[in-house]
Protein backbone atom coordinates (compact mmCIF):
# COMPACT_ATOMS: atom_id res chain seq x y z
CA MET A 1 110.93 -23.79 31.82
CA ALA A 2 112.86 -22.45 34.79
CA TRP A 3 114.42 -19.58 32.89
CA ALA A 4 110.98 -18.16 32.13
CA GLN A 5 110.02 -17.90 35.78
CA ALA A 6 109.83 -14.64 37.69
CA PRO A 7 113.22 -12.94 38.02
CA SER A 8 115.28 -13.79 41.07
CA THR A 9 115.29 -11.29 43.92
CA GLN A 10 118.97 -11.99 44.54
CA GLN A 11 120.73 -8.98 46.02
CA PRO A 12 124.00 -7.90 44.39
CA ARG A 13 126.95 -9.76 45.91
CA PRO A 14 130.52 -8.42 46.07
CA THR A 15 131.93 -8.12 42.56
CA SER A 16 134.94 -6.71 40.77
CA THR A 17 134.61 -3.65 38.55
CA PRO A 18 134.59 -4.75 34.90
CA TYR A 19 137.89 -3.98 33.20
CA SER A 20 137.72 -0.99 30.86
CA GLY A 21 141.38 -0.25 30.16
CA ASP A 22 143.83 -1.20 27.43
CA LEU A 23 142.47 -4.37 25.81
CA SER A 24 145.91 -5.48 24.63
CA ILE A 25 146.55 -6.65 28.21
CA PHE A 26 144.71 -9.86 27.31
CA GLU A 27 147.11 -10.69 24.48
CA TYR A 28 150.19 -11.74 26.46
CA PRO A 29 152.47 -14.16 24.56
CA ASP A 30 152.12 -17.36 26.61
CA ARG A 31 148.37 -17.19 27.21
CA ASP A 32 147.70 -20.02 24.74
CA GLN A 33 150.13 -22.23 26.63
CA LYS A 34 148.65 -21.36 30.03
CA LEU A 35 144.95 -21.47 29.17
CA GLN A 36 144.99 -24.26 26.54
CA PRO A 37 142.03 -22.89 24.55
CA GLN A 38 141.90 -25.84 22.17
CA LYS A 39 141.42 -28.23 25.09
CA VAL A 40 138.79 -25.89 26.55
CA MET A 41 136.87 -25.98 23.26
CA ASP A 42 137.20 -29.77 23.04
CA LEU A 43 135.51 -30.09 26.43
CA LEU A 44 132.78 -27.62 25.45
CA HIS A 45 132.15 -29.67 22.28
CA VAL A 46 132.98 -26.73 20.00
CA THR A 47 133.25 -28.20 16.50
CA PRO A 48 132.93 -26.90 12.91
CA GLY A 49 129.50 -25.47 12.18
CA LYS A 50 128.59 -24.85 15.83
CA THR A 51 127.43 -21.59 17.39
CA PHE A 52 129.59 -20.33 20.25
CA ALA A 53 129.16 -17.37 22.60
CA ASP A 54 132.11 -15.61 24.25
CA ILE A 55 130.54 -13.64 27.11
CA GLY A 56 132.67 -10.75 28.29
CA ALA A 57 134.84 -11.19 25.22
CA GLY A 58 137.07 -8.18 25.86
CA SER A 59 139.75 -7.99 23.17
CA GLY A 60 138.35 -11.04 21.40
CA TRP A 61 141.32 -13.23 22.36
CA PHE A 62 139.15 -16.33 22.73
CA THR A 63 136.64 -15.18 20.11
CA VAL A 64 139.12 -15.40 17.24
CA ARG A 65 140.25 -18.88 18.29
CA ALA A 66 136.65 -20.06 18.48
CA ALA A 67 135.87 -18.46 15.11
CA ARG A 68 138.64 -20.46 13.48
CA ARG A 69 137.41 -23.62 15.21
CA VAL A 70 133.75 -23.35 14.12
CA GLY A 71 134.72 -22.29 10.59
CA PRO A 72 132.70 -20.42 7.97
CA LYS A 73 129.54 -22.45 8.62
CA GLY A 74 129.65 -21.67 12.33
CA VAL A 75 129.00 -18.46 14.26
CA VAL A 76 130.69 -16.83 17.23
CA PHE A 77 128.82 -14.24 19.24
CA ALA A 78 131.35 -11.91 20.88
CA GLU A 79 129.44 -10.30 23.74
CA ASP A 80 130.58 -7.49 26.00
CA ILE A 81 129.00 -4.65 27.97
CA ASN A 82 131.78 -2.24 26.98
CA PRO A 83 131.08 -0.43 23.68
CA LYS A 84 134.82 0.11 23.19
CA ALA A 85 135.39 -3.63 23.35
CA ILE A 86 132.65 -4.15 20.75
CA GLU A 87 134.35 -1.68 18.39
CA TYR A 88 137.73 -3.31 19.02
CA MET A 89 136.38 -6.80 18.21
CA GLU A 90 134.59 -5.60 15.08
CA ASP A 91 137.83 -4.09 13.78
CA ARG A 92 139.76 -7.20 14.74
CA ALA A 93 137.32 -9.53 12.98
CA LYS A 94 137.63 -7.47 9.79
CA LYS A 95 141.43 -7.42 9.94
CA GLU A 96 141.57 -11.18 10.51
CA ASN A 97 138.88 -11.92 7.87
CA LEU A 98 136.56 -13.60 10.34
CA GLY A 99 133.14 -13.08 8.81
CA ASN A 100 131.56 -15.53 11.25
CA VAL A 101 132.03 -13.22 14.26
CA LYS A 102 128.96 -11.26 15.35
CA THR A 103 129.36 -8.72 18.13
CA VAL A 104 126.66 -8.27 20.78
CA LEU A 105 126.44 -5.32 23.15
CA GLY A 106 124.97 -6.80 26.30
CA THR A 107 124.00 -5.27 29.62
CA PRO A 108 125.10 -6.26 33.15
CA ASP A 109 121.85 -8.23 33.53
CA ASP A 110 121.34 -9.63 30.01
CA ALA A 111 123.76 -11.06 27.44
CA LYS A 112 121.24 -10.20 24.69
CA LEU A 113 121.78 -13.43 22.75
CA LEU A 114 119.23 -14.87 20.34
CA PRO A 115 116.77 -17.50 21.63
CA HIS A 116 117.83 -21.16 21.44
CA ALA A 117 120.78 -20.20 19.26
CA VAL A 118 123.96 -21.18 21.11
CA ASP A 119 125.64 -24.59 21.31
CA ALA A 120 128.40 -23.57 23.73
CA VAL A 121 129.15 -20.59 25.98
CA LEU A 122 132.30 -19.48 27.76
CA LEU A 123 132.66 -16.92 30.55
CA LEU A 124 136.42 -16.44 30.78
CA LYS A 125 137.41 -14.57 33.94
CA VAL A 126 134.15 -12.62 33.88
CA TYR A 127 131.69 -14.47 36.14
CA HIS A 128 133.03 -12.66 39.23
CA GLU A 129 131.99 -9.34 37.63
CA ILE A 130 128.29 -10.29 37.36
CA ALA A 131 126.47 -8.68 40.30
CA ARG A 132 123.23 -10.68 39.89
CA PRO A 133 124.44 -13.97 38.42
CA ILE A 134 121.33 -16.03 39.15
CA PRO A 135 118.89 -13.96 37.03
CA PHE A 136 121.65 -13.42 34.45
CA MET A 137 122.24 -17.14 34.06
CA GLN A 138 118.51 -17.89 34.17
CA GLY A 139 118.09 -15.53 31.24
CA LEU A 140 120.98 -17.15 29.40
CA ARG A 141 119.17 -20.48 29.49
CA GLY A 142 116.71 -19.14 26.93
CA SER A 143 119.58 -18.67 24.45
CA LEU A 144 120.89 -22.23 24.74
CA ALA A 145 120.27 -24.90 22.15
CA GLN A 146 119.44 -28.38 23.41
CA GLY A 147 122.47 -29.99 25.02
CA ALA A 148 124.47 -26.76 25.09
CA ARG A 149 127.44 -26.52 27.42
CA VAL A 150 128.33 -23.49 29.54
CA GLY A 151 131.94 -23.11 30.62
CA ILE A 152 133.15 -20.85 33.43
CA ILE A 153 136.86 -20.22 33.90
CA ASP A 154 137.69 -18.16 36.95
CA ARG A 155 139.91 -18.10 40.00
CA ASN A 156 139.18 -18.47 43.69
CA GLY A 157 138.57 -15.17 45.44
CA ASN A 158 136.06 -13.12 47.41
CA GLY A 159 134.36 -11.40 44.48
CA THR A 160 136.14 -8.07 44.84
CA ASP A 161 139.63 -9.36 43.94
CA HIS A 162 138.90 -10.50 40.38
CA GLY A 163 138.01 -13.98 41.57
CA LEU A 164 135.17 -15.92 43.21
CA ASN A 165 135.36 -19.15 45.17
CA ARG A 166 134.33 -22.17 43.16
CA ASP A 167 131.73 -23.33 45.68
CA VAL A 168 129.90 -19.99 45.33
CA VAL A 169 129.76 -20.38 41.54
CA GLU A 170 128.50 -23.94 41.81
CA ARG A 171 125.76 -22.95 44.27
CA GLU A 172 124.61 -19.99 42.17
CA MET A 173 124.58 -22.01 38.97
CA SER A 174 122.49 -24.71 40.64
CA GLU A 175 120.01 -22.08 41.81
CA ALA A 176 119.88 -20.72 38.25
CA GLY A 177 118.87 -24.14 36.92
CA TYR A 178 122.14 -25.77 35.83
CA ARG A 179 123.89 -29.00 36.73
CA LYS A 180 127.65 -29.39 36.85
CA VAL A 181 129.01 -31.87 34.29
CA GLY A 182 132.73 -31.14 34.50
CA LEU A 183 135.48 -29.70 36.70
CA TYR A 184 139.07 -29.16 35.54
CA ASP A 185 142.14 -27.33 36.83
CA PHE A 186 144.49 -27.26 33.83
CA THR A 187 143.83 -23.64 32.80
CA LYS A 188 146.59 -22.30 35.04
CA ALA A 189 149.37 -24.00 36.94
CA ASP A 190 149.02 -22.05 40.20
CA GLY A 191 146.11 -24.14 41.44
CA GLN A 192 143.86 -21.10 41.89
CA ASP A 193 142.05 -21.25 38.55
CA TYR A 194 139.19 -23.64 37.85
CA PHE A 195 137.20 -24.59 34.76
CA LEU A 196 133.60 -25.61 35.40
CA ILE A 197 131.19 -26.96 32.79
CA PHE A 198 127.43 -26.87 33.21
CA GLU A 199 124.33 -27.90 31.29
CA ALA A 200 120.77 -26.76 31.86
CA LYS A 201 118.82 -29.06 34.16
């Protein structure tokens, strides 16, 4: 399989520094209305009993919504490279009685997910922070179950301004062994955000 090949020699491209401040910034009141997480999960085929991975989960804003969607027979892996975010999500899952949430402390080059375990993945406003996305996404392929969908929600930008142009993402994902199966623009009304869906080739 392609993901088992030798690591890419891709040089780091311009990225934004991962956010490490107050996690409550992600909890603004109208975010559900703007992002439409239920529609996002519909398109990623997130249903009861499925296993979902929230990469760069931050405060767990999307994690808790996915956990309710997959239900007690499903699992949500809440992954982040920030140990404070992991602690925050663990506390939140306990407070909200979400026993199906499992936190994962990843690294900038490896999400550290279990092999062949995940039915759907979302990178919500985090892809532009990944310095070596091709080897990162190649590695992620080993964690995908057959037919798994990978969603990327981001905004157009140059990499350093908390955004990355859509054509760059599409090119990198193709190089990492994915094919695009969906493109949507409903996640924000300003026309700058995009929602891409990929499957492994």
